[in-house]
Amino acid sequence: MEKTFLLEIITPEKRFFTGEVESLIIPAVDGSYGVQAGHEPIVTAIEPGEARYKVDGVWYTAVVTQGFAEIMSDYAVVLVSTAERPEDIDEARARRAKERAEERLRQHVSKQQYFRSKAALARATARLHGSSHRK
């Protein structure tokens, strides 16, 4: 049996997941970041994408947006703006959001609006990618 550690995935609205896991893969700013029990302590920024965690040999996916993760040797907490299961994503709605964000980016608006549009595009792209992995 693999060693486990406690994982919490938390959004402002709810605790998305709390439980013992064998492994965790998170979308960090510099690429995917893998975590197992006994990991060195670290804090890292989370980018929109897919977080994956392994429970009893089975991998589960959560589509997450920006946030932070604190990793300790026996505990990891992932604090993100949103977290969704792939089967809960409305693919048509995510596609429309992606199209709106792409259109706003083409309009050459203010820097603030540019960064908001980039974030919206990243969220929509992550949701679309995650929805394609429904079980």
Foldseek 3Di string as FASTA:
>chain_A
DADWAWEWEDAPVGTPDTDIFAKKWFQFPVGIDIDGAQDDWDKTKGAFAWMWTHDPRDIFIKGFHIFMWTDHNRYIYTYGNDIDGLVPFDLVVLVVQLVVLVVQCVVPDDPVSNVVSVRSNRNSVRSNVRNVPDD
